[in-house]
Amino acid sequence: MPRAAPLLPALALIALLVLPAPVLGDDDADHERARAAVLRGEALPLDELLARLPLREGERLIEVEFDREDGRWVYELEFIDTDGRVRELEVDALSAAILEDD
């Protein structure tokens, strides 16, 4: 398998760019639901959604959950800033509209 080894980093990079990030919750079911919803066109990939959000300088994503609420898919995102403050956002998974900002 000497030819497959050079392809592994490229395949991993493609997976990171296309699929929702593996930080989706503690539950593998979140990841599978998100991936299926993205493939069906019912949700944005996490990286695309994050690019649309007005994030504060220095914020880092620390947790993601993916749920169905009121008939729509919702990303529940948790960020931490450089001062250790935690910010939680609830975001419509298809439109990237912020539903709640705590």
C-alpha atoms as a PDB file:
ATOM      1  CA  MET A   1       0.000   0.000   0.000  1.00  0.00           C
ATOM      2  CA  PRO A   2       2.731   2.538  -0.602  1.00  0.00           C
ATOM      3  CA  ARG A   3       0.508   4.560  -2.980  1.00  0.00           C
ATOM      4  CA  ALA A   4      -2.362   4.952  -0.480  1.00  0.00           C
ATOM      5  CA  ALA A   5      -0.262   6.559   2.252  1.00  0.00           C
ATOM      6  CA  PRO A   6       0.266   9.898   0.434  1.00  0.00           C
ATOM      7  CA  LEU A   7      -3.483  10.162  -0.166  1.00  0.00           C
ATOM      8  CA  LEU A   8      -4.445   9.925   3.506  1.00  0.00           C
ATOM      9  CA  PRO A   9      -3.590  13.545   4.451  1.00  0.00           C
ATOM     10  CA  ALA A  10      -5.483  14.842   1.403  1.00  0.00           C
ATOM     11  CA  LEU A  11      -8.534  12.719   2.207  1.00  0.00           C
ATOM     12  CA  ALA A  12      -8.483  13.871   5.832  1.00  0.00           C
ATOM     13  CA  LEU A  13      -8.326  17.509   4.714  1.00  0.00           C
ATOM     14  CA  ILE A  14     -11.249  17.018   2.329  1.00  0.00           C
ATOM     15  CA  ALA A  15     -13.296  15.409   5.112  1.00  0.00           C
ATOM     16  CA  LEU A  16     -12.579  18.374   7.413  1.00  0.00           C
ATOM     17  CA  LEU A  17     -13.651  20.870   4.763  1.00  0.00           C
ATOM     18  CA  VAL A  18     -16.803  19.069   3.618  1.00  0.00           C
ATOM     19  CA  LEU A  19     -18.219  17.293   6.657  1.00  0.00           C
ATOM     20  CA  PRO A  20     -19.389  18.885   9.893  1.00  0.00           C
ATOM     21  CA  ALA A  21     -16.610  19.062  12.445  1.00  0.00           C
ATOM     22  CA  PRO A  22     -16.136  16.063  14.734  1.00  0.00           C
ATOM     23  CA  VAL A  23     -16.604  18.255  17.814  1.00  0.00           C
ATOM     24  CA  LEU A  24     -20.333  17.684  17.444  1.00  0.00           C
ATOM     25  CA  GLY A  25     -21.518  16.970  20.951  1.00  0.00           C
ATOM     26  CA  ASP A  26     -20.561  13.964  22.988  1.00  0.00           C
ATOM     27  CA  ASP A  27     -23.006  11.813  21.095  1.00  0.00           C
ATOM     28  CA  ASP A  28     -22.132  10.162  17.783  1.00  0.00           C
ATOM     29  CA  ALA A  29     -25.809  10.486  16.862  1.00  0.00           C
ATOM     30  CA  ASP A  30     -25.387  14.295  16.615  1.00  0.00           C
ATOM     31  CA  HIS A  31     -22.649  13.834  14.065  1.00  0.00           C
ATOM     32  CA  GLU A  32     -24.640  11.332  12.027  1.00  0.00           C
ATOM     33  CA  ARG A  33     -27.804  13.483  12.077  1.00  0.00           C
ATOM     34  CA  ALA A  34     -25.812  16.538  11.024  1.00  0.00           C
ATOM     35  CA  ARG A  35     -24.029  14.719   8.233  1.00  0.00           C
ATOM     36  CA  ALA A  36     -27.286  13.296   6.884  1.00  0.00           C
ATOM     37  CA  ALA A  37     -29.025  16.694   7.085  1.00  0.00           C
ATOM     38  CA  VAL A  38     -26.128  18.354   5.226  1.00  0.00           C
ATOM     39  CA  LEU A  39     -26.237  15.705   2.496  1.00  0.00           C
ATOM     40  CA  ARG A  40     -30.009  16.228   2.113  1.00  0.00           C
ATOM     41  CA  GLY A  41     -29.543  20.000   1.862  1.00  0.00           C
ATOM     42  CA  GLU A  42     -31.384  20.623   5.152  1.00  0.00           C
ATOM     43  CA  ALA A  43     -28.380  22.104   6.981  1.00  0.00           C
ATOM     44  CA  LEU A  44     -25.148  23.914   6.242  1.00  0.00           C
ATOM     45  CA  PRO A  45     -21.838  22.206   6.937  1.00  0.00           C
ATOM     46  CA  LEU A  46     -20.464  23.458  10.234  1.00  0.00           C
ATOM     47  CA  ASP A  47     -17.486  25.257   8.683  1.00  0.00           C
ATOM     48  CA  GLU A  48     -19.763  27.175   6.309  1.00  0.00           C
ATOM     49  CA  LEU A  49     -22.150  28.064   9.129  1.00  0.00           C
ATOM     50  CA  LEU A  50     -19.280  29.317  11.315  1.00  0.00           C
ATOM     51  CA  ALA A  51     -17.997  31.492   8.452  1.00  0.00           C
ATOM     52  CA  ARG A  52     -21.385  33.264   8.370  1.00  0.00           C
ATOM     53  CA  LEU A  53     -21.529  34.028  12.098  1.00  0.00           C
ATOM     54  CA  PRO A  54     -20.365  37.295  13.660  1.00  0.00           C
ATOM     55  CA  LEU A  55     -17.880  35.729  16.042  1.00  0.00           C
ATOM     56  CA  ARG A  56     -16.053  37.826  18.595  1.00  0.00           C
ATOM     57  CA  GLU A  57     -12.292  38.198  18.419  1.00  0.00           C
ATOM     58  CA  GLY A  58     -10.495  35.389  20.218  1.00  0.00           C
ATOM     59  CA  GLU A  59     -13.521  33.094  20.533  1.00  0.00           C
ATOM     60  CA  ARG A  60     -12.874  29.376  20.134  1.00  0.00           C
ATOM     61  CA  LEU A  61     -15.489  26.740  19.483  1.00  0.00           C
ATOM     62  CA  ILE A  62     -15.536  24.209  22.316  1.00  0.00           C
ATOM     63  CA  GLU A  63     -18.775  22.278  21.828  1.00  0.00           C
ATOM     64  CA  VAL A  64     -21.440  21.657  19.201  1.00  0.00           C
ATOM     65  CA  GLU A  65     -24.781  19.932  19.456  1.00  0.00           C
ATOM     66  CA  PHE A  66     -27.176  19.303  16.575  1.00  0.00           C
ATOM     67  CA  ASP A  67     -30.886  18.941  17.272  1.00  0.00           C
ATOM     68  CA  ARG A  68     -34.294  19.226  15.664  1.00  0.00           C
ATOM     69  CA  GLU A  69     -36.358  22.005  17.289  1.00  0.00           C
ATOM     70  CA  ASP A  70     -39.720  23.342  16.171  1.00  0.00           C
ATOM     71  CA  GLY A  71     -39.422  21.522  12.837  1.00  0.00           C
ATOM     72  CA  ARG A  72     -35.956  22.812  11.938  1.00  0.00           C
ATOM     73  CA  TRP A  73     -32.369  21.709  12.479  1.00  0.00           C
ATOM     74  CA  VAL A  74     -30.455  23.778  15.012  1.00  0.00           C
ATOM     75  CA  TYR A  75     -26.762  23.965  15.860  1.00  0.00           C
ATOM     76  CA  GLU A  76     -26.144  24.690  19.541  1.00  0.00           C
ATOM     77  CA  LEU A  77     -22.652  26.173  19.693  1.00  0.00           C
ATOM     78  CA  GLU A  78     -20.522  26.917  22.729  1.00  0.00           C
ATOM     79  CA  PHE A  79     -17.533  29.256  22.503  1.00  0.00           C
ATOM     80  CA  ILE A  80     -14.922  30.378  25.000  1.00  0.00           C
ATOM     81  CA  ASP A  81     -13.041  33.654  24.765  1.00  0.00           C
ATOM     82  CA  THR A  82      -9.526  34.532  25.883  1.00  0.00           C
ATOM     83  CA  ASP A  83     -10.838  35.607  29.315  1.00  0.00           C
ATOM     84  CA  GLY A  84     -12.534  32.243  29.866  1.00  0.00           C
ATOM     85  CA  ARG A  85     -16.064  33.542  29.343  1.00  0.00           C
ATOM     86  CA  VAL A  86     -18.420  31.058  27.709  1.00  0.00           C
ATOM     87  CA  ARG A  87     -20.915  32.140  25.053  1.00  0.00           C
ATOM     88  CA  GLU A  88     -23.706  29.906  23.799  1.00  0.00           C
ATOM     89  CA  LEU A  89     -25.398  30.414  20.444  1.00  0.00           C
ATOM     90  CA  GLU A  90     -28.400  28.621  19.033  1.00  0.00           C
ATOM     91  CA  VAL A  91     -28.323  28.909  15.250  1.00  0.00           C
ATOM     92  CA  ASP A  92     -30.704  27.807  12.493  1.00  0.00           C
ATOM     93  CA  ALA A  93     -28.705  25.125  10.694  1.00  0.00           C
ATOM     94  CA  LEU A  94     -29.918  26.058   7.207  1.00  0.00           C
ATOM     95  CA  SER A  95     -29.994  29.859   7.244  1.00  0.00           C
ATOM     96  CA  ALA A  96     -27.310  30.535   9.904  1.00  0.00           C
ATOM     97  CA  ALA A  97     -29.757  32.900  11.607  1.00  0.00           C
ATOM     98  CA  ILE A  98     -28.959  33.353  15.292  1.00  0.00           C
ATOM     99  CA  LEU A  99     -31.966  32.207  17.302  1.00  0.00           C
ATOM    100  CA  GLU A 100     -30.492  32.733  20.754  1.00  0.00           C
ATOM    101  CA  ASP A 101     -27.296  34.350  22.063  1.00  0.00           C
ATOM    102  CA  ASP A 102     -26.480  33.800  25.759  1.00  0.00           C
END
